[in-house]
Structure formats: C-alpha cells, structure tokens
C-alpha atoms as a PDB file:
ATOM      1  CA  MET A   1       6.234   2.512 -17.627  1.00  0.00           C
ATOM      2  CA  THR A   2       3.618   5.264 -17.663  1.00  0.00           C
ATOM      3  CA  LEU A   3       3.375   7.257 -14.434  1.00  0.00           C
ATOM      4  CA  SER A   4       0.298   8.962 -13.101  1.00  0.00           C
ATOM      5  CA  PRO A   5       1.264  12.647 -13.209  1.00  0.00           C
ATOM      6  CA  ASN A   6       1.149  13.344  -9.491  1.00  0.00           C
ATOM      7  CA  PHE A   7       2.333  10.152  -7.851  1.00  0.00           C
ATOM      8  CA  TYR A   8       5.994  11.050  -7.366  1.00  0.00           C
ATOM      9  CA  HIS A   9       5.396  14.721  -6.682  1.00  0.00           C
ATOM     10  CA  GLN A  10       2.812  14.409  -3.936  1.00  0.00           C
ATOM     11  CA  ARG A  11       3.762  13.698  -0.346  1.00  0.00           C
ATOM     12  CA  VAL A  12       0.482  11.871   0.316  1.00  0.00           C
ATOM     13  CA  CYS A  13      -1.131   9.425  -2.079  1.00  0.00           C
ATOM     14  CA  LEU A  14      -4.318   7.512  -1.281  1.00  0.00           C
ATOM     15  CA  ASN A  15      -4.616   3.780  -1.881  1.00  0.00           C
ATOM     16  CA  VAL A  16      -8.188   2.521  -2.286  1.00  0.00           C
ATOM     17  CA  LEU A  17      -9.750  -0.541  -3.895  1.00  0.00           C
ATOM     18  CA  ALA A  18     -11.716  -0.560  -7.133  1.00  0.00           C
ATOM     19  CA  GLY A  19     -14.734  -2.808  -7.616  1.00  0.00           C
ATOM     20  CA  SER A  20     -14.945  -2.379 -11.396  1.00  0.00           C
ATOM     21  CA  HIS A  21     -13.211  -0.631 -14.276  1.00  0.00           C
ATOM     22  CA  LYS A  22     -15.678   2.258 -14.111  1.00  0.00           C
ATOM     23  CA  ASN A  23     -15.256   2.478 -10.347  1.00  0.00           C
ATOM     24  CA  ALA A  24     -11.478   2.746 -10.861  1.00  0.00           C
ATOM     25  CA  LYS A  25     -11.938   5.627 -13.293  1.00  0.00           C
ATOM     26  CA  ASP A  26     -14.392   7.372 -10.957  1.00  0.00           C
ATOM     27  CA  ILE A  27     -12.000   6.972  -8.001  1.00  0.00           C
ATOM     28  CA  TYR A  28      -9.088   8.326 -10.003  1.00  0.00           C
ATOM     29  CA  GLU A  29     -11.080  11.412 -10.956  1.00  0.00           C
ATOM     30  CA  ALA A  30     -12.484  11.881  -7.422  1.00  0.00           C
ATOM     31  CA  ALA A  31      -8.972  11.814  -5.980  1.00  0.00           C
ATOM     32  CA  GLU A  32      -7.789  14.302  -8.612  1.00  0.00           C
ATOM     33  CA  THR A  33      -5.176  11.701  -9.633  1.00  0.00           C
ATOM     34  CA  TYR A  34      -3.582  11.605  -6.140  1.00  0.00           C
ATOM     35  CA  VAL A  35      -4.338   7.920  -5.759  1.00  0.00           C
ATOM     36  CA  VAL A  36      -3.224   4.433  -6.635  1.00  0.00           C
ATOM     37  CA  VAL A  37      -6.120   2.093  -7.284  1.00  0.00           C
ATOM     38  CA  GLY A  38      -5.874  -1.325  -5.677  1.00  0.00           C
ATOM     39  CA  VAL A  39      -6.849  -4.504  -7.516  1.00  0.00           C
ATOM     40  CA  LEU A  40      -6.410  -7.778  -5.645  1.00  0.00           C
ATOM     41  CA  SER A  41      -4.658 -10.724  -7.277  1.00  0.00           C
ATOM     42  CA  LYS A  42      -6.579 -13.040  -4.963  1.00  0.00           C
ATOM     43  CA  ASN A  43      -9.773 -12.245  -6.874  1.00  0.00           C
ATOM     44  CA  TYR A  44      -8.573 -14.024 -10.014  1.00  0.00           C
ATOM     45  CA  PRO A  45      -8.483 -17.767 -10.722  1.00  0.00           C
ATOM     46  CA  ASP A  46      -5.201 -17.637 -12.656  1.00  0.00           C
ATOM     47  CA  LEU A  47      -2.361 -15.428 -13.780  1.00  0.00           C
ATOM     48  CA  ASP A  48      -3.527 -14.841 -17.353  1.00  0.00           C
ATOM     49  CA  SER A  49      -6.987 -13.596 -16.362  1.00  0.00           C
ATOM     50  CA  ALA A  50      -5.460 -11.304 -13.738  1.00  0.00           C
ATOM     51  CA  ILE A  51      -3.030  -9.766 -16.220  1.00  0.00           C
ATOM     52  CA  ALA A  52      -5.710  -9.262 -18.871  1.00  0.00           C
ATOM     53  CA  ASP A  53      -8.170  -7.595 -16.484  1.00  0.00           C
ATOM     54  CA  MET A  54      -5.638  -5.500 -14.570  1.00  0.00           C
ATOM     55  CA  ARG A  55      -4.335  -4.172 -17.883  1.00  0.00           C
ATOM     56  CA  ILE A  56      -7.748  -2.520 -18.355  1.00  0.00           C
ATOM     57  CA  TYR A  57      -7.586  -1.020 -14.845  1.00  0.00           C
ATOM     58  CA  ALA A  58      -4.178   0.424 -15.700  1.00  0.00           C
ATOM     59  CA  GLN A  59      -5.533   1.959 -18.908  1.00  0.00           C
ATOM     60  CA  GLU A  60      -8.464   3.557 -17.077  1.00  0.00           C
ATOM     61  CA  THR A  61      -6.193   5.227 -14.489  1.00  0.00           C
ATOM     62  CA  HIS A  62      -3.054   6.246 -16.416  1.00  0.00           C
ATOM     63  CA  ASN A  63      -1.329   3.285 -14.800  1.00  0.00           C
ATOM     64  CA  ALA A  64      -2.217   4.340 -11.247  1.00  0.00           C
ATOM     65  CA  LEU A  65      -2.562   0.610 -10.586  1.00  0.00           C
ATOM     66  CA  SER A  66      -1.697  -0.971  -7.260  1.00  0.00           C
ATOM     67  CA  VAL A  67      -1.354  -4.749  -7.595  1.00  0.00           C
ATOM     68  CA  GLY A  68      -2.599  -6.218  -4.324  1.00  0.00           C
ATOM     69  CA  LEU A  69      -2.229  -9.469  -2.455  1.00  0.00           C
ATOM     70  CA  GLY A  70      -5.650  -9.699  -0.803  1.00  0.00           C
ATOM     71  CA  ALA A  71      -5.727  -9.098   2.966  1.00  0.00           C
ATOM     72  CA  GLY A  72      -1.960  -9.525   3.002  1.00  0.00           C
ATOM     73  CA  ASP A  73      -2.205 -13.170   1.929  1.00  0.00           C
ATOM     74  CA  PRO A  74       1.395 -14.399   1.648  1.00  0.00           C
ATOM     75  CA  ASN A  75       0.323 -17.144  -0.745  1.00  0.00           C
ATOM     76  CA  GLN A  76      -0.351 -14.455  -3.371  1.00  0.00           C
ATOM     77  CA  SER A  77       3.223 -13.178  -3.264  1.00  0.00           C
ATOM     78  CA  THR A  78       4.497 -15.005  -6.365  1.00  0.00           C
ATOM     79  CA  MET A  79       1.381 -14.149  -8.390  1.00  0.00           C
ATOM     80  CA  VAL A  80       1.778 -10.452  -7.544  1.00  0.00           C
ATOM     81  CA  SER A  81       5.399 -10.518  -8.726  1.00  0.00           C
ATOM     82  CA  LEU A  82       4.500 -12.218 -12.010  1.00  0.00           C
ATOM     83  CA  ILE A  83       1.616  -9.815 -12.689  1.00  0.00           C
ATOM     84  CA  SER A  84       3.861  -6.856 -11.928  1.00  0.00           C
ATOM     85  CA  LYS A  85       6.621  -8.083 -14.244  1.00  0.00           C
ATOM     86  CA  GLU A  86       4.112  -8.116 -17.096  1.00  0.00           C
ATOM     87  CA  LEU A  87       2.179  -4.926 -16.377  1.00  0.00           C
ATOM     88  CA  GLN A  88       4.850  -2.644 -14.875  1.00  0.00           C
ATOM     89  CA  PRO A  89       2.330  -0.978 -12.548  1.00  0.00           C
ATOM     90  CA  GLN A  90       2.908   2.126 -10.487  1.00  0.00           C
ATOM     91  CA  HIS A  91       2.558   0.357  -7.135  1.00  0.00           C
ATOM     92  CA  VAL A  92       3.062  -3.201  -5.862  1.00  0.00           C
ATOM     93  CA  ASN A  93       1.991  -4.705  -2.532  1.00  0.00           C
ATOM     94  CA  GLN A  94       4.256  -7.419  -1.183  1.00  0.00           C
ATOM     95  CA  VAL A  95       5.053  -9.444   1.889  1.00  0.00           C
ATOM     96  CA  PHE A  96       8.467  -8.798   3.461  1.00  0.00           C
ATOM     97  CA  THR A  97      10.216 -11.633   1.658  1.00  0.00           C
ATOM     98  CA  GLY A  98       8.459 -10.958  -1.667  1.00  0.00           C
ATOM     99  CA  ALA A  99       9.692  -7.399  -2.165  1.00  0.00           C
ATOM    100  CA  PRO A 100      13.113  -8.262  -3.677  1.00  0.00           C
ATOM    101  CA  ILE A 101      11.525 -10.773  -6.065  1.00  0.00           C
ATOM    102  CA  SER A 102       9.099  -8.155  -7.347  1.00  0.00           C
ATOM    103  CA  ARG A 103      11.896  -5.602  -7.706  1.00  0.00           C
ATOM    104  CA  ALA A 104      14.085  -8.004  -9.652  1.00  0.00           C
ATOM    105  CA  LEU A 105      11.282  -9.030 -12.009  1.00  0.00           C
ATOM    106  CA  LEU A 106      10.202  -5.433 -12.579  1.00  0.00           C
ATOM    107  CA  GLY A 107      13.693  -4.663 -13.812  1.00  0.00           C
ATOM    108  CA  GLN A 108      13.492  -0.975 -12.840  1.00  0.00           C
ATOM    109  CA  ASN A 109      13.428   1.173  -9.705  1.00  0.00           C
ATOM    110  CA  GLU A 110      10.522   3.507 -10.485  1.00  0.00           C
ATOM    111  CA  THR A 111       7.630   1.265  -9.434  1.00  0.00           C
ATOM    112  CA  PHE A 112       6.821   1.641  -5.741  1.00  0.00           C
ATOM    113  CA  VAL A 113       7.197  -1.744  -4.014  1.00  0.00           C
ATOM    114  CA  ASN A 114       6.054  -1.990  -0.411  1.00  0.00           C
ATOM    115  CA  ALA A 115       6.743  -4.770   2.060  1.00  0.00           C
ATOM    116  CA  LEU A 116       4.337  -5.977   4.721  1.00  0.00           C
ATOM    117  CA  VAL A 117       5.580  -5.508   8.263  1.00  0.00           C
ATOM    118  CA  SER A 118       3.257  -6.145  11.204  1.00  0.00           C
ATOM    119  CA  PRO A 119       2.858  -4.771  14.727  1.00  0.00           C
ATOM    120  CA  SER A 120       4.721  -6.882  17.272  1.00  0.00           C
ATOM    121  CA  GLY A 121       3.120  -5.644  20.475  1.00  0.00           C
ATOM    122  CA  THR A 122       6.332  -3.846  21.454  1.00  0.00           C
ATOM    123  CA  VAL A 123       7.068  -0.237  20.539  1.00  0.00           C
ATOM    124  CA  GLY A 124      10.106  -0.011  18.273  1.00  0.00           C
ATOM    125  CA  MET A 125       9.959  -3.666  17.248  1.00  0.00           C
ATOM    126  CA  VAL A 126       8.152  -5.098  14.208  1.00  0.00           C
ATOM    127  CA  LYS A 127       7.293  -8.501  12.841  1.00  0.00           C
ATOM    128  CA  ILE A 128       8.906  -9.261   9.484  1.00  0.00           C
ATOM    129  CA  SER A 129       7.954 -12.952   9.170  1.00  0.00           C
ATOM    130  CA  THR A 130       5.089 -12.238   6.756  1.00  0.00           C
ATOM    131  CA  GLY A 131       6.060 -14.490   3.825  1.00  0.00           C
ATOM    132  CA  PRO A 132       4.457 -17.780   2.703  1.00  0.00           C
ATOM    133  CA  LEU A 133       6.727 -19.953   4.874  1.00  0.00           C
ATOM    134  CA  SER A 134       7.962 -17.465   7.475  1.00  0.00           C
ATOM    135  CA  SER A 135       4.399 -16.567   8.493  1.00  0.00           C
ATOM    136  CA  GLN A 136       3.982 -20.180   9.590  1.00  0.00           C
ATOM    137  CA  ALA A 137       7.176 -20.093  11.671  1.00  0.00           C
ATOM    138  CA  PRO A 138       7.762 -18.490  15.095  1.00  0.00           C
ATOM    139  CA  ASP A 139       7.468 -14.711  14.836  1.00  0.00           C
ATOM    140  CA  GLY A 140      10.509 -12.933  13.440  1.00  0.00           C
ATOM    141  CA  ILE A 141      10.649  -9.693  15.436  1.00  0.00           C
ATOM    142  CA  VAL A 142      13.373  -7.115  14.819  1.00  0.00           C
ATOM    143  CA  PRO A 143      14.010  -3.428  15.560  1.00  0.00           C
ATOM    144  CA  ILE A 144      12.231  -1.162  13.088  1.00  0.00           C
ATOM    145  CA  GLU A 145      15.585   0.291  11.965  1.00  0.00           C
ATOM    146  CA  THR A 146      16.797  -3.201  11.052  1.00  0.00           C
ATOM    147  CA  ALA A 147      13.613  -3.889   9.093  1.00  0.00           C
ATOM    148  CA  ILE A 148      14.026  -0.651   7.118  1.00  0.00           C
ATOM    149  CA  MET A 149      17.668  -1.341   6.306  1.00  0.00           C
ATOM    150  CA  MET A 150      16.861  -4.901   5.217  1.00  0.00           C
ATOM    151  CA  LEU A 151      14.140  -3.534   2.937  1.00  0.00           C
ATOM    152  CA  LYS A 152      16.525  -0.975   1.467  1.00  0.00           C
ATOM    153  CA  ASP A 153      18.958  -3.823   0.810  1.00  0.00           C
ATOM    154  CA  MET A 154      16.159  -5.665  -1.004  1.00  0.00           C
ATOM    155  CA  GLY A 155      15.042  -2.763  -3.188  1.00  0.00           C
ATOM    156  CA  ALA A 156      11.747  -2.031  -1.451  1.00  0.00           C
ATOM    157  CA  SER A 157      10.308   1.491  -1.385  1.00  0.00           C
ATOM    158  CA  SER A 158       8.196   1.506   1.756  1.00  0.00           C
ATOM    159  CA  ILE A 159       6.865  -0.259   4.805  1.00  0.00           C
ATOM    160  CA  LYS A 160       3.267  -1.390   4.667  1.00  0.00           C
ATOM    161  CA  PHE A 161       2.349  -1.425   8.359  1.00  0.00           C
ATOM    162  CA  PHE A 162      -0.470  -3.991   8.568  1.00  0.00           C
ATOM    163  CA  ASN A 163      -2.718  -4.767  10.378  1.00  0.00           C
ATOM    164  CA  MET A 164      -2.945  -1.531  12.365  1.00  0.00           C
ATOM    165  CA  LYS A 165      -6.552  -2.217  13.401  1.00  0.00           C
ATOM    166  CA  GLY A 166      -7.246   1.489  13.311  1.00  0.00           C
ATOM    167  CA  LEU A 167      -5.751   3.140  16.374  1.00  0.00           C
ATOM    168  CA  ALA A 168      -5.109  -0.105  18.291  1.00  0.00           C
ATOM    169  CA  HIS A 169      -1.328   0.006  17.690  1.00  0.00           C
ATOM    170  CA  ILE A 170      -0.939   3.769  17.624  1.00  0.00           C
ATOM    171  CA  GLU A 171       2.205   3.944  19.784  1.00  0.00           C
ATOM    172  CA  GLU A 172       3.928   1.333  17.650  1.00  0.00           C
ATOM    173  CA  TYR A 173       2.835   3.226  14.552  1.00  0.00           C
ATOM    174  CA  LYS A 174       4.345   6.461  15.878  1.00  0.00           C
ATOM    175  CA  ALA A 175       7.696   4.690  16.350  1.00  0.00           C
ATOM    176  CA  VAL A 176       7.516   3.272  12.817  1.00  0.00           C
ATOM    177  CA  ALA A 177       6.727   6.722  11.407  1.00  0.00           C
ATOM    178  CA  GLU A 178       9.647   8.291  13.273  1.00  0.00           C
ATOM    179  CA  ALA A 179      12.015   5.603  12.001  1.00  0.00           C
ATOM    180  CA  CYS A 180      10.798   5.975   8.409  1.00  0.00           C
ATOM    181  CA  ALA A 181      11.451   9.708   8.635  1.00  0.00           C
ATOM    182  CA  LYS A 182      14.865   9.254  10.227  1.00  0.00           C
ATOM    183  CA  PHE A 183      16.062   6.693   7.697  1.00  0.00           C
ATOM    184  CA  ASP A 184      14.442   8.254   4.610  1.00  0.00           C
ATOM    185  CA  PHE A 185      11.850   5.565   3.910  1.00  0.00           C
ATOM    186  CA  SER A 186       8.205   5.750   2.881  1.00  0.00           C
ATOM    187  CA  LEU A 187       5.265   4.490   4.934  1.00  0.00           C
ATOM    188  CA  GLU A 188       1.929   2.875   4.128  1.00  0.00           C
ATOM    189  CA  PRO A 189      -0.397   2.627   7.150  1.00  0.00           C
ATOM    190  CA  THR A 190      -2.964  -0.102   6.541  1.00  0.00           C
ATOM    191  CA  GLY A 191      -5.831  -1.815   8.339  1.00  0.00           C
ATOM    192  CA  GLY A 192      -8.941  -0.393   9.993  1.00  0.00           C
ATOM    193  CA  ILE A 193      -8.498   3.128   8.601  1.00  0.00           C
ATOM    194  CA  ASP A 194     -11.770   5.019   8.136  1.00  0.00           C
ATOM    195  CA  LEU A 195     -13.102   8.552   7.717  1.00  0.00           C
ATOM    196  CA  GLU A 196     -13.003   9.052  11.496  1.00  0.00           C
ATOM    197  CA  ASN A 197      -9.405   8.079  12.239  1.00  0.00           C
ATOM    198  CA  PHE A 198      -7.807   8.904   8.872  1.00  0.00           C
ATOM    199  CA  SER A 199      -6.766  12.450   9.752  1.00  0.00           C
ATOM    200  CA  GLN A 200      -5.092  11.386  13.002  1.00  0.00           C
ATOM    201  CA  ILE A 201      -3.194   8.539  11.346  1.00  0.00           C
ATOM    202  CA  LEU A 202      -2.064  10.784   8.502  1.00  0.00           C
ATOM    203  CA  GLN A 203      -1.041  13.613  10.840  1.00  0.00           C
ATOM    204  CA  ILE A 204       1.198  11.335  12.904  1.00  0.00           C
ATOM    205  CA  ALA A 205       3.205  10.444   9.793  1.00  0.00           C
ATOM    206  CA  LEU A 206       3.321  14.069   8.621  1.00  0.00           C
ATOM    207  CA  ASP A 207       4.440  15.306  12.045  1.00  0.00           C
ATOM    208  CA  ALA A 208       7.172  12.666  12.139  1.00  0.00           C
ATOM    209  CA  GLY A 209       8.481  13.963   8.820  1.00  0.00           C
ATOM    210  CA  VAL A 210       7.848  10.910   6.622  1.00  0.00           C
ATOM    211  CA  LYS A 211       8.720  11.861   3.041  1.00  0.00           C
ATOM    212  CA  LYS A 212       5.929   9.898   1.345  1.00  0.00           C
ATOM    213  CA  ILE A 213       2.791   8.447   2.914  1.00  0.00           C
ATOM    214  CA  ILE A 214       0.362   6.091   1.176  1.00  0.00           C
ATOM    215  CA  PRO A 215      -2.565   5.333   3.511  1.00  0.00           C
ATOM    216  CA  HIS A 216      -4.699   2.347   2.521  1.00  0.00           C
ATOM    217  CA  ILE A 217      -8.416   2.904   3.110  1.00  0.00           C
ATOM    218  CA  TYR A 218     -10.386  -0.142   2.102  1.00  0.00           C
ATOM    219  CA  SER A 219     -13.519  -1.740   3.536  1.00  0.00           C
ATOM    220  CA  SER A 220     -14.710   1.318   5.477  1.00  0.00           C
ATOM    221  CA  ILE A 221     -15.423   3.245   2.261  1.00  0.00           C
ATOM    222  CA  ILE A 222     -16.752   0.358   0.168  1.00  0.00           C
ATOM    223  CA  ASP A 223     -20.480   0.218  -0.503  1.00  0.00           C
ATOM    224  CA  LYS A 224     -21.669  -3.109   0.899  1.00  0.00           C
ATOM    225  CA  ASP A 225     -24.280  -3.654  -1.828  1.00  0.00           C
ATOM    226  CA  SER A 226     -22.232  -2.821  -4.911  1.00  0.00           C
ATOM    227  CA  GLY A 227     -18.802  -3.816  -3.603  1.00  0.00           C
ATOM    228  CA  GLU A 228     -17.432  -0.568  -5.005  1.00  0.00           C
ATOM    229  CA  THR A 229     -15.516   2.223  -3.293  1.00  0.00           C
ATOM    230  CA  ARG A 230     -17.662   5.335  -2.862  1.00  0.00           C
ATOM    231  CA  PRO A 231     -16.161   8.225  -4.887  1.00  0.00           C
ATOM    232  CA  ASP A 232     -17.744  10.739  -2.485  1.00  0.00           C
ATOM    233  CA  ASP A 233     -15.748   9.211   0.373  1.00  0.00           C
ATOM    234  CA  VAL A 234     -12.588   9.468  -1.722  1.00  0.00           C
ATOM    235  CA  ARG A 235     -13.332  13.176  -2.178  1.00  0.00           C
ATOM    236  CA  LYS A 236     -13.698  13.527   1.593  1.00  0.00           C
ATOM    237  CA  LEU A 237     -10.337  11.816   2.125  1.00  0.00           C
ATOM    238  CA  LEU A 238      -8.678  14.064  -0.437  1.00  0.00           C
ATOM    239  CA  SER A 239     -10.129  17.102   1.320  1.00  0.00           C
ATOM    240  CA  MET A 240      -8.598  15.894   4.604  1.00  0.00           C
ATOM    241  CA  VAL A 241      -5.243  15.396   2.874  1.00  0.00           C
ATOM    242  CA  LYS A 242      -5.322  18.935   1.462  1.00  0.00           C
ATOM    243  CA  GLN A 243      -6.229  20.319   4.852  1.00  0.00           C
ATOM    244  CA  ALA A 244      -3.386  18.420   6.553  1.00  0.00           C
ATOM    245  CA  LEU A 245      -0.880  19.644   3.972  1.00  0.00           C
ATOM    246  CA  ALA A 246      -2.068  23.254   4.003  1.00  0.00           C
END
C-alpha cells in the first residue's frame, strides 16, 4: 500500500469529497497533501465500476483515497469492504459493525478504518447500532469508553462521530474527544462542519489531547453548480489547521 507522505505524521488530516479526478488532484495540492479525498461507494451502480474509477482517484492523490459509504448509509457497508480489499486505500469509512470486516479483508493494519458512532442525546453515551440490521433495531447506546474498547477489539482506528449537526451536540462531542484522548484513539468529527464552526470543533479535539483528528467537511464547501469541492475553501481550512497547531 502506498501512503500519502504526511498522513501518519500529521496530527490533523482533512477529509473532503472529490467531484472528479481533476478535483481530487486539485484538493490534494490545495491541502498540501494533508488530506484524504472522499469518494462515495453509493455513487456507483456496481462493485466493478467503483473499483475501476476509485483506482484513478488513488493514482491522482498518491493513494490519499477515503472510500466512503454515502451519508453513512449502512447498506453500503459490504461494498466499502470489498472495494477496500481490492484497492488498499489509505482511509476507509465504515459503520460500527462493518469495521472488523473491512480490517479483515484489508489484511493489514496500516489503512485507517473508522467506525460510525452517533450522538445519543446523553453526554458520555453513544449510539453504536449503525449497521445494516442494527440501525433498524432499538438504539444500542453504550458508554463511550465501551464503544472505544469494542472498536479496538475489532481493529478499528477511529470513531467517526456522525451526525454532529455542526455544534448541536457539542457537549457530547467534548466527552467523546476526552475519551478518545484518554484511551489513545483517533477521532473523526462529521456532519454540519463548515468554515464558521471548523476551528471550534477542531480546537475542542486538540485541547482534549486527541492524538489524530480527521474532520470531515463536505457539503458546506462543495460548489452547488459543479458538484466539486472548492480548492480555495480547502486552503482556508488548511490555514485554520496550521493556526490551531502553531
């Protein structure tokens, strides 16, 4: 597996979506390589077309590819695992129950595999029933420490805390960040993050002492006409990251 040069050495790595191969290359350059570029499995009609197209994205970004579900859709979990087995990307997005399947199929521990955990409405507690079947069952809510230890058991690398809805669940997010720091786990805040609230969300994780933070900034920086992420906005985000780390 080829690694983007800065991914494992940088405390903060952006995660943004690409609307085209050229857009992916432009994003990668705008972020000065401190980025993984998201491509959603849900956008493809079948596995073969997804693998063929995502292979090009990987080539354009030195494998800074993040294989995505698509709005956390649990029904994409198996497809993400199968794509990842073939492409060996740098980053994989999974539901809670899909993380160990992706890890097993990858056959190595270098690829970052996250697991989707959702706000529960109670500080210190999170919802882990985010899989294809479990998401249809009564909510599975556990202490954040338990969720982290289960994910470590399953070979996951980080918690993807989704959907944060910007600052709507900020107190819950603070508790998640503190737990990730305490138990040596990475954190990926996701949902409703924009240029206005990005710095605050990032700073909370930095202040807590989280070892690696991968904020997902999606729709707020996508041009509505082209469907592509604006490289200028990626530069602004990178500037905020540098300022926070200074």
